[in-house]
């Protein structure tokens, strides 16, 4: 089975919403049990649900999540768990960065 997931670096500013879609080519959604985004150093392990609208698996981290993350540059993997129990790491050691929030909106 040939599978492709486009490699990408991901950056987010502390306190911002992060929404990224992973498109899998060569793997039908019907045979996918779960897709996981994992980063040991960032202490993240997130299931990514499928979006028919975007034809991909969505990693979404809300402001409440990224606001508590420390600034870091590290790696992440995307792993696909198939319905037969097999697992495929389709992205390996891609760059994940949480950038320090430096500018703030003043509230009245």
PDB file of N, CA and C in Angstrom:
ATOM      1  N   UNK A   1       0.849  -1.175   0.000  1.00  0.00           N
ATOM      2  CA  UNK A   1       0.000   0.000   0.000  1.00  0.00           C
ATOM      3  C   UNK A   1       0.891   1.234   0.000  1.00  0.00           C
ATOM      4  N   UNK A   2       0.669   2.117  -0.928  1.00  0.00           N
ATOM      5  CA  UNK A   2       1.415   3.376  -0.970  1.00  0.00           C
ATOM      6  C   UNK A   2       0.587   4.453  -0.296  1.00  0.00           C
ATOM      7  N   UNK A   3       1.160   5.082   0.697  1.00  0.00           N
ATOM      8  CA  UNK A   3       0.447   6.147   1.397  1.00  0.00           C
ATOM      9  C   UNK A   3       1.304   7.402   1.404  1.00  0.00           C
ATOM     10  N   UNK A   4       0.644   8.519   1.271  1.00  0.00           N
ATOM     11  CA  UNK A   4       1.342   9.801   1.258  1.00  0.00           C
ATOM     12  C   UNK A   4       0.586  10.767   2.161  1.00  0.00           C
ATOM     13  N   UNK A   5       1.325  11.443   2.988  1.00  0.00           N
ATOM     14  CA  UNK A   5       0.767  12.538   3.769  1.00  0.00           C
ATOM     15  C   UNK A   5       1.749  13.682   3.592  1.00  0.00           C
ATOM     16  N   UNK A   6       1.268  14.778   3.079  1.00  0.00           N
ATOM     17  CA  UNK A   6       2.160  15.890   2.788  1.00  0.00           C
ATOM     18  C   UNK A   6       2.813  16.409   4.060  1.00  0.00           C
ATOM     19  N   UNK A   7       4.137  16.469   4.045  1.00  0.00           N
ATOM     20  CA  UNK A   7       4.914  16.912   5.201  1.00  0.00           C
ATOM     21  C   UNK A   7       4.812  18.417   5.340  1.00  0.00           C
ATOM     22  N   UNK A   8       4.714  18.849   6.571  1.00  0.00           N
ATOM     23  CA  UNK A   8       4.624  20.285   6.802  1.00  0.00           C
ATOM     24  C   UNK A   8       5.150  20.630   8.184  1.00  0.00           C
ATOM     25  N   UNK A   9       5.718  21.817   8.269  1.00  0.00           N
ATOM     26  CA  UNK A   9       6.090  22.372   9.561  1.00  0.00           C
ATOM     27  C   UNK A   9       4.854  23.060  10.119  1.00  0.00           C
ATOM     28  N   UNK A  10       4.686  22.975  11.424  1.00  0.00           N
ATOM     29  CA  UNK A  10       3.535  23.594  12.080  1.00  0.00           C
ATOM     30  C   UNK A  10       4.045  24.567  13.133  1.00  0.00           C
ATOM     31  N   UNK A  11       3.521  25.799  13.083  1.00  0.00           N
ATOM     32  CA  UNK A  11       3.848  26.806  14.084  1.00  0.00           C
ATOM     33  C   UNK A  11       2.566  27.405  14.631  1.00  0.00           C
ATOM     34  N   UNK A  12       2.569  27.691  15.924  1.00  0.00           N
ATOM     35  CA  UNK A  12       1.432  28.343  16.557  1.00  0.00           C
ATOM     36  C   UNK A  12       1.966  29.317  17.607  1.00  0.00           C
ATOM     37  N   UNK A  13       1.305  30.448  17.737  1.00  0.00           N
ATOM     38  CA  UNK A  13       1.644  31.430  18.769  1.00  0.00           C
ATOM     39  C   UNK A  13       0.847  31.073  20.022  1.00  0.00           C
ATOM     40  N   UNK A  14       1.492  31.173  21.176  1.00  0.00           N
ATOM     41  CA  UNK A  14       0.801  30.893  22.439  1.00  0.00           C
ATOM     42  C   UNK A  14      -0.533  31.629  22.487  1.00  0.00           C
ATOM     43  N   UNK A  15      -1.591  30.918  22.842  1.00  0.00           N
ATOM     44  CA  UNK A  15      -2.906  31.525  22.987  1.00  0.00           C
ATOM     45  C   UNK A  15      -3.728  31.596  21.714  1.00  0.00           C
ATOM     46  N   UNK A  16      -3.136  31.248  20.571  1.00  0.00           N
ATOM     47  CA  UNK A  16      -3.871  31.248  19.303  1.00  0.00           C
ATOM     48  C   UNK A  16      -4.508  29.879  19.056  1.00  0.00           C
ATOM     49  N   UNK A  17      -5.556  29.859  18.255  1.00  0.00           N
ATOM     50  CA  UNK A  17      -6.170  28.610  17.822  1.00  0.00           C
ATOM     51  C   UNK A  17      -5.316  28.020  16.704  1.00  0.00           C
ATOM     52  N   UNK A  18      -5.078  26.716  16.777  1.00  0.00           N
ATOM     53  CA  UNK A  18      -4.367  26.013  15.717  1.00  0.00           C
ATOM     54  C   UNK A  18      -5.320  25.016  15.082  1.00  0.00           C
ATOM     55  N   UNK A  19      -5.479  25.099  13.765  1.00  0.00           N
ATOM     56  CA  UNK A  19      -6.302  24.138  13.040  1.00  0.00           C
ATOM     57  C   UNK A  19      -5.553  23.759  11.766  1.00  0.00           C
ATOM     58  N   UNK A  20      -5.186  22.480  11.665  1.00  0.00           N
ATOM     59  CA  UNK A  20      -4.405  21.959  10.545  1.00  0.00           C
ATOM     60  C   UNK A  20      -5.090  20.692  10.052  1.00  0.00           C
ATOM     61  N   UNK A  21      -5.115  20.515   8.733  1.00  0.00           N
ATOM     62  CA  UNK A  21      -5.704  19.309   8.137  1.00  0.00           C
ATOM     63  C   UNK A  21      -4.619  18.482   7.472  1.00  0.00           C
ATOM     64  N   UNK A  22      -4.621  17.184   7.767  1.00  0.00           N
ATOM     65  CA  UNK A  22      -3.688  16.252   7.158  1.00  0.00           C
ATOM     66  C   UNK A  22      -4.437  15.448   6.104  1.00  0.00           C
ATOM     67  N   UNK A  23      -3.993  15.560   4.852  1.00  0.00           N
ATOM     68  CA  UNK A  23      -4.600  14.813   3.759  1.00  0.00           C
ATOM     69  C   UNK A  23      -3.791  13.536   3.532  1.00  0.00           C
ATOM     70  N   UNK A  24      -4.475  12.411   3.573  1.00  0.00           N
ATOM     71  CA  UNK A  24      -3.834  11.128   3.312  1.00  0.00           C
ATOM     72  C   UNK A  24      -4.175  10.692   1.897  1.00  0.00           C
ATOM     73  N   UNK A  25      -3.170  10.450   1.101  1.00  0.00           N
ATOM     74  CA  UNK A  25      -3.381   9.962  -0.258  1.00  0.00           C
ATOM     75  C   UNK A  25      -3.048   8.473  -0.277  1.00  0.00           C
ATOM     76  N   UNK A  26      -3.932   7.678  -0.870  1.00  0.00           N
ATOM     77  CA  UNK A  26      -3.687   6.242  -0.963  1.00  0.00           C
ATOM     78  C   UNK A  26      -4.244   5.452   0.204  1.00  0.00           C
ATOM     79  N   UNK A  27      -4.908   6.123   1.135  1.00  0.00           N
ATOM     80  CA  UNK A  27      -5.544   5.444   2.268  1.00  0.00           C
ATOM     81  C   UNK A  27      -6.993   5.920   2.332  1.00  0.00           C
ATOM     82  N   UNK A  28      -7.916   5.026   2.035  1.00  0.00           N
ATOM     83  CA  UNK A  28      -9.340   5.385   2.046  1.00  0.00           C
ATOM     84  C   UNK A  28      -9.819   5.616   3.472  1.00  0.00           C
ATOM     85  N   UNK A  29     -10.630   6.656   3.701  1.00  0.00           N
ATOM     86  CA  UNK A  29     -11.140   6.927   5.053  1.00  0.00           C
ATOM     87  C   UNK A  29     -11.891   5.735   5.660  1.00  0.00           C
ATOM     88  N   UNK A  30     -12.461   4.889   4.821  1.00  0.00           N
ATOM     89  CA  UNK A  30     -13.229   3.738   5.311  1.00  0.00           C
ATOM     90  C   UNK A  30     -12.377   2.712   6.042  1.00  0.00           C
ATOM     91  N   UNK A  31     -11.063   2.696   5.780  1.00  0.00           N
ATOM     92  CA  UNK A  31     -10.202   1.704   6.452  1.00  0.00           C
ATOM     93  C   UNK A  31      -9.402   2.315   7.609  1.00  0.00           C
ATOM     94  N   UNK A  32      -9.668   3.598   7.902  1.00  0.00           N
ATOM     95  CA  UNK A  32      -8.959   4.293   8.981  1.00  0.00           C
ATOM     96  C   UNK A  32      -9.797   4.270  10.257  1.00  0.00           C
ATOM     97  N   UNK A  33      -9.204   3.740  11.329  1.00  0.00           N
ATOM     98  CA  UNK A  33      -9.849   3.742  12.645  1.00  0.00           C
ATOM     99  C   UNK A  33      -9.620   5.088  13.339  1.00  0.00           C
ATOM    100  N   UNK A  34      -8.349   5.529  13.376  1.00  0.00           N
ATOM    101  CA  UNK A  34      -7.972   6.783  14.032  1.00  0.00           C
ATOM    102  C   UNK A  34      -6.722   7.362  13.380  1.00  0.00           C
ATOM    103  N   UNK A  35      -6.569   8.668  13.518  1.00  0.00           N
ATOM    104  CA  UNK A  35      -5.337   9.361  13.132  1.00  0.00           C
ATOM    105  C   UNK A  35      -4.896  10.152  14.358  1.00  0.00           C
ATOM    106  N   UNK A  36      -3.611  10.025  14.694  1.00  0.00           N
ATOM    107  CA  UNK A  36      -3.086  10.681  15.898  1.00  0.00           C
ATOM    108  C   UNK A  36      -1.935  11.619  15.560  1.00  0.00           C
ATOM    109  N   UNK A  37      -1.958  12.793  16.179  1.00  0.00           N
ATOM    110  CA  UNK A  37      -0.855  13.738  16.175  1.00  0.00           C
ATOM    111  C   UNK A  37      -0.170  13.562  17.520  1.00  0.00           C
ATOM    112  N   UNK A  38       1.130  13.281  17.521  1.00  0.00           N
ATOM    113  CA  UNK A  38       1.841  13.094  18.784  1.00  0.00           C
ATOM    114  C   UNK A  38       3.158  13.876  18.777  1.00  0.00           C
ATOM    115  N   UNK A  39       3.446  14.464  19.932  1.00  0.00           N
ATOM    116  CA  UNK A  39       4.710  15.149  20.143  1.00  0.00           C
ATOM    117  C   UNK A  39       5.097  14.953  21.609  1.00  0.00           C
ATOM    118  N   UNK A  40       6.100  14.146  21.828  1.00  0.00           N
ATOM    119  CA  UNK A  40       6.516  13.835  23.203  1.00  0.00           C
ATOM    120  C   UNK A  40       6.998  15.083  23.945  1.00  0.00           C
ATOM    121  N   UNK A  41       7.853  15.883  23.305  1.00  0.00           N
ATOM    122  CA  UNK A  41       8.406  17.070  23.981  1.00  0.00           C
ATOM    123  C   UNK A  41       7.351  18.135  24.234  1.00  0.00           C
ATOM    124  N   UNK A  42       6.359  18.234  23.345  1.00  0.00           N
ATOM    125  CA  UNK A  42       5.280  19.207  23.554  1.00  0.00           C
ATOM    126  C   UNK A  42       4.173  18.627  24.438  1.00  0.00           C
ATOM    127  N   UNK A  43       4.333  17.374  24.818  1.00  0.00           N
ATOM    128  CA  UNK A  43       3.377  16.668  25.685  1.00  0.00           C
ATOM    129  C   UNK A  43       1.980  16.659  25.090  1.00  0.00           C
ATOM    130  N   UNK A  44       1.911  16.285  23.786  1.00  0.00           N
ATOM    131  CA  UNK A  44       0.635  16.232  23.082  1.00  0.00           C
ATOM    132  C   UNK A  44       0.410  14.851  22.468  1.00  0.00           C
ATOM    133  N   UNK A  45      -0.790  14.375  22.604  1.00  0.00           N
ATOM    134  CA  UNK A  45      -1.263  13.193  21.897  1.00  0.00           C
ATOM    135  C   UNK A  45      -2.736  13.452  21.620  1.00  0.00           C
ATOM    136  N   UNK A  46      -3.049  13.736  20.356  1.00  0.00           N
ATOM    137  CA  UNK A  46      -4.387  14.215  19.998  1.00  0.00           C
ATOM    138  C   UNK A  46      -4.940  13.381  18.847  1.00  0.00           C
ATOM    139  N   UNK A  47      -6.170  12.885  19.017  1.00  0.00           N
ATOM    140  CA  UNK A  47      -6.862  12.216  17.917  1.00  0.00           C
ATOM    141  C   UNK A  47      -7.359  13.278  16.948  1.00  0.00           C
ATOM    142  N   UNK A  48      -7.223  13.004  15.664  1.00  0.00           N
ATOM    143  CA  UNK A  48      -7.608  13.952  14.618  1.00  0.00           C
ATOM    144  C   UNK A  48      -8.803  13.392  13.849  1.00  0.00           C
ATOM    145  N   UNK A  49     -10.010  13.919  14.070  1.00  0.00           N
ATOM    146  CA  UNK A  49     -11.190  13.411  13.374  1.00  0.00           C
ATOM    147  C   UNK A  49     -11.176  13.773  11.894  1.00  0.00           C
ATOM    148  N   UNK A  50     -11.867  12.960  11.099  1.00  0.00           N
ATOM    149  CA  UNK A  50     -11.949  13.188   9.656  1.00  0.00           C
ATOM    150  C   UNK A  50     -12.970  14.280   9.341  1.00  0.00           C
ATOM    151  N   UNK A  51     -12.619  15.147   8.402  1.00  0.00           N
ATOM    152  CA  UNK A  51     -13.521  16.198   7.928  1.00  0.00           C
ATOM    153  C   UNK A  51     -13.803  15.962   6.448  1.00  0.00           C
ATOM    154  N   UNK A  52     -15.059  15.644   6.115  1.00  0.00           N
ATOM    155  CA  UNK A  52     -15.430  15.475   4.708  1.00  0.00           C
ATOM    156  C   UNK A  52     -15.291  16.798   3.960  1.00  0.00           C
ATOM    157  N   UNK A  53     -15.606  17.892   4.635  1.00  0.00           N
ATOM    158  CA  UNK A  53     -15.527  19.213   4.027  1.00  0.00           C
ATOM    159  C   UNK A  53     -14.112  19.524   3.537  1.00  0.00           C
ATOM    160  N   UNK A  54     -13.104  19.184   4.354  1.00  0.00           N
ATOM    161  CA  UNK A  54     -11.708  19.486   4.036  1.00  0.00           C
ATOM    162  C   UNK A  54     -10.962  18.286   3.479  1.00  0.00           C
ATOM    163  N   UNK A  55     -11.643  17.140   3.385  1.00  0.00           N
ATOM    164  CA  UNK A  55     -11.041  15.918   2.866  1.00  0.00           C
ATOM    165  C   UNK A  55      -9.723  15.593   3.577  1.00  0.00           C
ATOM    166  N   UNK A  56      -9.728  15.723   4.914  1.00  0.00           N
ATOM    167  CA  UNK A  56      -8.528  15.458   5.682  1.00  0.00           C
ATOM    168  C   UNK A  56      -8.856  15.291   7.160  1.00  0.00           C
ATOM    169  N   UNK A  57      -7.825  15.001   7.921  1.00  0.00           N
ATOM    170  CA  UNK A  57      -7.949  14.758   9.361  1.00  0.00           C
ATOM    171  C   UNK A  57      -7.514  16.014  10.097  1.00  0.00           C
ATOM    172  N   UNK A  58      -8.348  16.470  11.013  1.00  0.00           N
ATOM    173  CA  UNK A  58      -8.184  17.785  11.632  1.00  0.00           C
ATOM    174  C   UNK A  58      -7.499  17.725  12.997  1.00  0.00           C
ATOM    175  N   UNK A  59      -6.387  18.440  13.084  1.00  0.00           N
ATOM    176  CA  UNK A  59      -5.764  18.711  14.376  1.00  0.00           C
ATOM    177  C   UNK A  59      -6.239  20.098  14.778  1.00  0.00           C
ATOM    178  N   UNK A  60      -6.948  20.173  15.899  1.00  0.00           N
ATOM    179  CA  UNK A  60      -7.416  21.476  16.381  1.00  0.00           C
ATOM    180  C   UNK A  60      -7.042  21.625  17.846  1.00  0.00           C
ATOM    181  N   UNK A  61      -6.278  22.666  18.130  1.00  0.00           N
ATOM    182  CA  UNK A  61      -5.916  23.013  19.500  1.00  0.00           C
ATOM    183  C   UNK A  61      -6.498  24.392  19.774  1.00  0.00           C
ATOM    184  N   UNK A  62      -7.353  24.497  20.772  1.00  0.00           N
ATOM    185  CA  UNK A  62      -7.970  25.761  21.117  1.00  0.00           C
ATOM    186  C   UNK A  62      -7.009  26.683  21.847  1.00  0.00           C
ATOM    187  N   UNK A  63      -7.436  27.931  21.981  1.00  0.00           N
ATOM    188  CA  UNK A  63      -6.625  28.936  22.676  1.00  0.00           C
ATOM    189  C   UNK A  63      -6.302  28.527  24.102  1.00  0.00           C
ATOM    190  N   UNK A  64      -7.274  27.865  24.768  1.00  0.00           N
ATOM    191  CA  UNK A  64      -7.046  27.440  26.150  1.00  0.00           C
ATOM    192  C   UNK A  64      -5.926  26.408  26.236  1.00  0.00           C
ATOM    193  N   UNK A  65      -5.716  25.635  25.184  1.00  0.00           N
ATOM    194  CA  UNK A  65      -4.636  24.640  25.153  1.00  0.00           C
ATOM    195  C   UNK A  65      -3.298  25.302  24.831  1.00  0.00           C
ATOM    196  N   UNK A  66      -3.242  26.065  23.726  1.00  0.00           N
ATOM    197  CA  UNK A  66      -1.964  26.651  23.315  1.00  0.00           C
ATOM    198  C   UNK A  66      -1.506  27.750  24.270  1.00  0.00           C
ATOM    199  N   UNK A  67      -2.449  28.370  24.969  1.00  0.00           N
ATOM    200  CA  UNK A  67      -2.095  29.414  25.924  1.00  0.00           C
ATOM    201  C   UNK A  67      -1.300  28.901  27.110  1.00  0.00           C
ATOM    202  N   UNK A  68      -1.422  27.613  27.398  1.00  0.00           N
ATOM    203  CA  UNK A  68      -0.696  27.012  28.522  1.00  0.00           C
ATOM    204  C   UNK A  68       0.569  26.280  28.087  1.00  0.00           C
ATOM    205  N   UNK A  69       0.842  26.285  26.789  1.00  0.00           N
ATOM    206  CA  UNK A  69       2.037  25.599  26.298  1.00  0.00           C
ATOM    207  C   UNK A  69       3.257  26.495  26.429  1.00  0.00           C
ATOM    208  N   UNK A  70       4.382  25.917  26.732  1.00  0.00           N
ATOM    209  CA  UNK A  70       5.618  26.688  26.819  1.00  0.00           C
ATOM    210  C   UNK A  70       6.211  26.848  25.416  1.00  0.00           C
ATOM    211  N   UNK A  71       6.926  27.929  25.157  1.00  0.00           N
ATOM    212  CA  UNK A  71       7.590  28.079  23.855  1.00  0.00           C
ATOM    213  C   UNK A  71       8.568  26.922  23.654  1.00  0.00           C
ATOM    214  N   UNK A  72       8.495  26.317  22.476  1.00  0.00           N
ATOM    215  CA  UNK A  72       9.324  25.143  22.208  1.00  0.00           C
ATOM    216  C   UNK A  72       9.395  24.908  20.706  1.00  0.00           C
ATOM    217  N   UNK A  73      10.510  24.382  20.269  1.00  0.00           N
ATOM    218  CA  UNK A  73      10.645  23.862  18.903  1.00  0.00           C
ATOM    219  C   UNK A  73      11.000  22.394  19.070  1.00  0.00           C
ATOM    220  N   UNK A  74      10.157  21.524  18.501  1.00  0.00           N
ATOM    221  CA  UNK A  74      10.342  20.088  18.675  1.00  0.00           C
ATOM    222  C   UNK A  74       9.799  19.358  17.453  1.00  0.00           C
ATOM    223  N   UNK A  75       9.628  18.066  17.568  1.00  0.00           N
ATOM    224  CA  UNK A  75       9.143  17.251  16.455  1.00  0.00           C
ATOM    225  C   UNK A  75       7.771  16.676  16.753  1.00  0.00           C
ATOM    226  N   UNK A  76       7.082  16.287  15.662  1.00  0.00           N
ATOM    227  CA  UNK A  76       5.806  15.590  15.808  1.00  0.00           C
ATOM    228  C   UNK A  76       5.716  14.472  14.780  1.00  0.00           C
ATOM    229  N   UNK A  77       4.853  13.519  15.068  1.00  0.00           N
ATOM    230  CA  UNK A  77       4.525  12.432  14.144  1.00  0.00           C
ATOM    231  C   UNK A  77       3.026  12.431  13.915  1.00  0.00           C
ATOM    232  N   UNK A  78       2.613  11.904  12.771  1.00  0.00           N
ATOM    233  CA  UNK A  78       1.209  11.596  12.517  1.00  0.00           C
ATOM    234  C   UNK A  78       1.144  10.103  12.236  1.00  0.00           C
ATOM    235  N   UNK A  79       0.342   9.405  13.038  1.00  0.00           N
ATOM    236  CA  UNK A  79       0.216   7.960  12.930  1.00  0.00           C
ATOM    237  C   UNK A  79      -1.226   7.598  12.600  1.00  0.00           C
ATOM    238  N   UNK A  80      -1.380   6.701  11.637  1.00  0.00           N
ATOM    239  CA  UNK A  80      -2.693   6.230  11.215  1.00  0.00           C
ATOM    240  C   UNK A  80      -2.896   4.826  11.782  1.00  0.00           C
ATOM    241  N   UNK A  81      -4.028   4.634  12.467  1.00  0.00           N
ATOM    242  CA  UNK A  81      -4.412   3.312  12.962  1.00  0.00           C
ATOM    243  C   UNK A  81      -5.521   2.791  12.045  1.00  0.00           C
ATOM    244  N   UNK A  82      -5.263   1.675  11.387  1.00  0.00           N
ATOM    245  CA  UNK A  82      -6.225   1.095  10.457  1.00  0.00           C
ATOM    246  C   UNK A  82      -7.219   0.206  11.188  1.00  0.00           C
ATOM    247  N   UNK A  83      -8.349  -0.080  10.547  1.00  0.00           N
ATOM    248  CA  UNK A  83      -9.394  -0.882  11.197  1.00  0.00           C
ATOM    249  C   UNK A  83      -8.935  -2.312  11.472  1.00  0.00           C
ATOM    250  N   UNK A  84      -7.898  -2.790  10.758  1.00  0.00           N
ATOM    251  CA  UNK A  84      -7.382  -4.140  11.015  1.00  0.00           C
ATOM    252  C   UNK A  84      -6.348  -4.166  12.141  1.00  0.00           C
ATOM    253  N   UNK A  85      -6.118  -3.011  12.787  1.00  0.00           N
ATOM    254  CA  UNK A  85      -5.189  -2.941  13.914  1.00  0.00           C
ATOM    255  C   UNK A  85      -3.781  -2.524  13.542  1.00  0.00           C
ATOM    256  N   UNK A  86      -3.451  -2.517  12.271  1.00  0.00           N
ATOM    257  CA  UNK A  86      -2.116  -2.085  11.847  1.00  0.00           C
ATOM    258  C   UNK A  86      -1.985  -0.577  11.995  1.00  0.00           C
ATOM    259  N   UNK A  87      -0.725  -0.131  12.191  1.00  0.00           N
ATOM    260  CA  UNK A  87      -0.439   1.293  12.342  1.00  0.00           C
ATOM    261  C   UNK A  87       0.606   1.713  11.320  1.00  0.00           C
ATOM    262  N   UNK A  88       0.427   2.920  10.799  1.00  0.00           N
ATOM    263  CA  UNK A  88       1.367   3.501   9.846  1.00  0.00           C
ATOM    264  C   UNK A  88       1.755   4.893  10.319  1.00  0.00           C
ATOM    265  N   UNK A  89       3.049   5.161  10.423  1.00  0.00           N
ATOM    266  CA  UNK A  89       3.514   6.516  10.727  1.00  0.00           C
ATOM    267  C   UNK A  89       3.706   7.212   9.390  1.00  0.00           C
ATOM    268  N   UNK A  90       2.792   8.122   9.065  1.00  0.00           N
ATOM    269  CA  UNK A  90       2.811   8.757   7.747  1.00  0.00           C
ATOM    270  C   UNK A  90       3.600  10.060   7.739  1.00  0.00           C
ATOM    271  N   UNK A  91       3.783  10.679   8.895  1.00  0.00           N
ATOM    272  CA  UNK A  91       4.691  11.814   9.053  1.00  0.00           C
ATOM    273  C   UNK A  91       5.568  11.522  10.255  1.00  0.00           C
ATOM    274  N   UNK A  92       6.878  11.701  10.095  1.00  0.00           N
ATOM    275  CA  UNK A  92       7.821  11.347  11.150  1.00  0.00           C
ATOM    276  C   UNK A  92       8.783  12.503  11.387  1.00  0.00           C
ATOM    277  N   UNK A  93       8.849  12.929  12.627  1.00  0.00           N
ATOM    278  CA  UNK A  93       9.770  13.976  13.080  1.00  0.00           C
ATOM    279  C   UNK A  93       9.699  15.253  12.247  1.00  0.00           C
ATOM    280  N   UNK A  94       8.485  15.722  12.013  1.00  0.00           N
ATOM    281  CA  UNK A  94       8.286  17.025  11.380  1.00  0.00           C
ATOM    282  C   UNK A  94       8.407  18.105  12.460  1.00  0.00           C
ATOM    283  N   UNK A  95       8.662  19.313  12.036  1.00  0.00           N
ATOM    284  CA  UNK A  95       8.883  20.414  12.981  1.00  0.00           C
ATOM    285  C   UNK A  95       7.559  20.958  13.534  1.00  0.00           C
ATOM    286  N   UNK A  96       7.513  21.080  14.863  1.00  0.00           N
ATOM    287  CA  UNK A  96       6.381  21.690  15.560  1.00  0.00           C
ATOM    288  C   UNK A  96       6.937  22.767  16.473  1.00  0.00           C
ATOM    289  N   UNK A  97       6.430  24.000  16.332  1.00  0.00           N
ATOM    290  CA  UNK A  97       6.949  25.111  17.134  1.00  0.00           C
ATOM    291  C   UNK A  97       5.803  25.863  17.794  1.00  0.00           C
ATOM    292  N   UNK A  98       5.984  26.138  19.076  1.00  0.00           N
ATOM    293  CA  UNK A  98       5.088  27.022  19.818  1.00  0.00           C
ATOM    294  C   UNK A  98       5.883  28.291  20.062  1.00  0.00           C
ATOM    295  N   UNK A  99       5.385  29.395  19.517  1.00  0.00           N
ATOM    296  CA  UNK A  99       6.086  30.670  19.608  1.00  0.00           C
ATOM    297  C   UNK A  99       5.562  31.500  20.770  1.00  0.00           C
ATOM    298  N   UNK A 100       6.470  32.194  21.427  1.00  0.00           N
ATOM    299  CA  UNK A 100       6.104  33.021  22.577  1.00  0.00           C
ATOM    300  C   UNK A 100       5.256  34.200  22.134  1.00  0.00           C
ATOM    301  N   UNK A 101       4.163  34.422  22.831  1.00  0.00           N
ATOM    302  CA  UNK A 101       3.288  35.567  22.575  1.00  0.00           C
ATOM    303  C   UNK A 101       3.984  36.812  23.107  1.00  0.00           C
ATOM    304  N   UNK A 102       4.247  37.787  22.232  1.00  0.00           N
ATOM    305  CA  UNK A 102       4.965  38.995  22.638  1.00  0.00           C
ATOM    306  C   UNK A 102       4.087  40.241  22.604  1.00  0.00           C
ATOM    307  N   UNK A 103       3.109  40.256  21.729  1.00  0.00           N
ATOM    308  CA  UNK A 103       2.234  41.426  21.575  1.00  0.00           C
ATOM    309  C   UNK A 103       0.833  41.055  22.032  1.00  0.00           C
ATOM    310  N   UNK A 104       0.219  41.921  22.764  1.00  0.00           N
ATOM    311  CA  UNK A 104      -1.096  41.623  23.345  1.00  0.00           C
ATOM    312  C   UNK A 104      -2.111  42.687  22.964  1.00  0.00           C
ATOM    313  N   UNK A 105      -3.361  42.283  22.889  1.00  0.00           N
ATOM    314  CA  UNK A 105      -4.462  43.206  22.647  1.00  0.00           C
ATOM    315  C   UNK A 105      -4.869  43.782  23.997  1.00  0.00           C
ATOM    316  N   UNK A 106      -4.928  45.090  24.075  1.00  0.00           N
ATOM    317  CA  UNK A 106      -5.345  45.719  25.325  1.00  0.00           C
ATOM    318  C   UNK A 106      -6.866  45.723  25.394  1.00  0.00           C
ATOM    319  N   UNK A 107      -7.375  45.246  26.513  1.00  0.00           N
ATOM    320  CA  UNK A 107      -8.825  45.220  26.698  1.00  0.00           C
ATOM    321  C   UNK A 107      -9.235  46.358  27.621  1.00  0.00           C
ATOM    322  N   UNK A 108     -10.380  46.972  27.314  1.00  0.00           N
ATOM    323  CA  UNK A 108     -10.877  48.112  28.108  1.00  0.00           C
ATOM    324  C   UNK A 108     -11.438  47.658  29.423  1.00  0.00           C
TER     325      UNK A 108
END
